[in-house]
Amino acid sequence: MAENGNSRDRGGIHVTNTGGNVTIGDHNTVTNTVHGAAPDRDAQQEELLRAVRQLRADLEGVVPSELTAALDAELSDVEDEIEGTGRASTGRLTALRGALAEAGAVAELLASGVAVGQAVGALLGG
């Protein structure tokens, strides 16, 4: 053992300033949780996000079809984009508008479908 008792002198492992996670040995699991503020969203994006979440929940009570699956996929993409960046892009909104039109009667019968359509229309200007 070294005179100063430093573990590096004894052949131990010493890791400093990794800026992340470190694991040594077999069968380890590393979890990295990033804490930070959510991106800023304006009132229209918040309204759309609430309506999207409600429509996704309402779709769970509808008989599934290819059209409802496609609509749910677009809703999921919009939700992810708003949560990740603070806003849904024009391209994403246009795709959602198309999925709403394709789903037709299903989206029109649900109040949440109408709310999503109105929110998308407001953001796209009509």
Protein backbone atom coordinates (compact mmCIF):
# COMPACT_ATOMS: atom_id res chain seq x y z
CA MET A 1 0.00 0.00 0.00
CA ALA A 2 1.19 3.49 -0.76
CA GLU A 3 2.20 5.73 2.07
CA ASN A 4 -0.57 8.27 1.49
CA GLY A 5 -3.37 5.63 1.47
CA ASN A 6 -4.71 6.71 -1.92
CA SER A 7 -6.83 3.92 -3.52
CA ARG A 8 -5.18 4.55 -6.89
CA ASP A 9 -1.91 3.58 -5.34
CA ARG A 10 -3.47 0.26 -4.18
CA GLY A 11 -4.71 -0.71 -7.65
CA GLY A 12 -8.31 0.34 -7.01
CA ILE A 13 -10.59 1.97 -9.54
CA HIS A 14 -11.02 5.71 -9.47
CA VAL A 15 -13.43 7.55 -11.79
CA THR A 16 -13.91 11.32 -11.71
CA ASN A 17 -15.65 13.98 -13.76
CA THR A 18 -17.49 11.65 -16.11
CA GLY A 19 -20.25 14.11 -16.98
CA GLY A 20 -22.58 11.12 -17.18
CA ASN A 21 -23.07 7.64 -15.81
CA VAL A 22 -20.50 4.95 -15.19
CA THR A 23 -20.97 1.29 -14.39
CA ILE A 24 -18.33 -1.34 -13.81
CA GLY A 25 -18.85 -5.08 -13.71
CA ASP A 26 -21.38 -7.54 -15.05
CA HIS A 27 -25.17 -7.15 -15.17
CA ASN A 28 -25.31 -3.47 -14.30
CA THR A 29 -28.08 -1.09 -15.22
CA VAL A 30 -27.62 2.63 -15.69
CA THR A 31 -30.52 5.07 -15.65
CA ASN A 32 -30.03 8.66 -16.66
CA THR A 33 -32.78 11.07 -15.68
CA VAL A 34 -32.57 14.56 -17.08
CA HIS A 35 -34.30 17.19 -15.03
CA GLY A 36 -35.15 20.41 -16.73
CA ALA A 37 -37.94 22.68 -17.74
CA ALA A 38 -40.41 21.64 -20.41
CA PRO A 39 -40.28 23.71 -23.56
CA ASP A 40 -42.44 26.82 -23.55
CA ARG A 41 -45.80 26.35 -25.25
CA ASP A 42 -48.28 29.01 -26.22
CA ALA A 43 -51.98 28.79 -25.35
CA GLN A 44 -52.97 27.39 -28.77
CA GLN A 45 -50.40 24.59 -28.54
CA GLU A 46 -51.58 23.79 -24.99
CA GLU A 47 -55.17 23.66 -26.21
CA LEU A 48 -54.19 21.34 -29.05
CA LEU A 49 -52.22 19.10 -26.69
CA ARG A 50 -55.20 18.76 -24.32
CA ALA A 51 -57.55 18.01 -27.23
CA VAL A 52 -55.13 15.46 -28.71
CA ARG A 53 -54.85 13.64 -25.39
CA GLN A 54 -58.63 13.60 -24.98
CA LEU A 55 -59.20 12.28 -28.50
CA ARG A 56 -56.62 9.54 -27.98
CA ALA A 57 -58.43 8.51 -24.79
CA ASP A 58 -61.80 8.62 -26.56
CA LEU A 59 -60.49 6.47 -29.43
CA GLU A 60 -59.89 3.66 -26.96
CA GLY A 61 -63.67 3.23 -26.76
CA VAL A 62 -64.14 3.02 -30.54
CA VAL A 63 -64.04 -0.18 -32.56
CA PRO A 64 -60.49 -0.19 -33.95
CA SER A 65 -59.86 0.09 -37.67
CA GLU A 66 -57.00 1.03 -39.97
CA LEU A 67 -58.32 4.60 -40.03
CA THR A 68 -58.50 4.94 -36.25
CA ALA A 69 -55.04 3.39 -35.93
CA ALA A 70 -53.65 5.89 -38.45
CA LEU A 71 -55.37 8.74 -36.63
CA ASP A 72 -53.99 7.58 -33.28
CA ALA A 73 -50.49 7.37 -34.76
CA GLU A 74 -50.73 10.97 -36.00
CA LEU A 75 -52.12 12.10 -32.65
CA SER A 76 -49.21 10.38 -30.90
CA ASP A 77 -46.70 12.10 -33.19
CA VAL A 78 -48.29 15.51 -32.53
CA GLU A 79 -48.28 14.87 -28.78
CA ASP A 80 -44.60 13.85 -28.86
CA GLU A 81 -43.62 16.86 -30.95
CA ILE A 82 -45.41 19.35 -28.71
CA GLU A 83 -43.93 17.77 -25.59
CA GLY A 84 -40.44 17.69 -27.09
CA THR A 85 -40.23 21.04 -28.83
CA GLY A 86 -43.11 23.07 -27.43
CA ARG A 87 -45.04 23.16 -30.70
CA ALA A 88 -46.34 21.02 -33.53
CA SER A 89 -44.84 21.90 -36.90
CA THR A 90 -46.96 22.90 -39.89
CA GLY A 91 -46.14 19.59 -41.57
CA ARG A 92 -47.24 17.62 -38.53
CA LEU A 93 -50.48 19.65 -38.26
CA THR A 94 -51.19 19.11 -41.95
CA ALA A 95 -50.69 15.35 -41.54
CA LEU A 96 -53.04 15.37 -38.54
CA ARG A 97 -55.65 17.29 -40.50
CA GLY A 98 -55.43 14.63 -43.22
CA ALA A 99 -55.80 11.80 -40.70
CA LEU A 100 -58.84 13.51 -39.19
CA ALA A 101 -60.40 13.78 -42.66
CA GLU A 102 -59.61 10.14 -43.42
CA ALA A 103 -61.13 8.98 -40.12
CA GLY A 104 -64.19 11.03 -41.10
CA ALA A 105 -67.30 10.12 -39.14
CA VAL A 106 -65.39 8.65 -36.20
CA ALA A 107 -63.56 11.92 -35.54
CA GLU A 108 -66.64 14.02 -36.27
CA LEU A 109 -68.83 12.07 -33.82
CA LEU A 110 -66.46 12.59 -30.91
CA ALA A 111 -66.46 16.03 -29.29
CA SER A 112 -62.72 15.64 -28.78
CA GLY A 113 -62.30 15.03 -32.53
CA VAL A 114 -64.09 18.28 -33.26
CA ALA A 115 -61.90 20.07 -30.69
CA VAL A 116 -58.72 18.74 -32.32
CA GLY A 117 -59.98 19.81 -35.74
CA GLN A 118 -60.74 23.31 -34.46
CA ALA A 119 -57.36 23.62 -32.75
CA VAL A 120 -55.54 22.45 -35.88
CA GLY A 121 -57.58 24.88 -37.99
CA ALA A 122 -56.70 27.76 -35.67
CA LEU A 123 -52.99 26.95 -35.87
CA LEU A 124 -52.99 26.46 -39.64
CA GLY A 125 -55.17 29.49 -40.25
CA GLY A 126 -58.41 27.91 -41.33
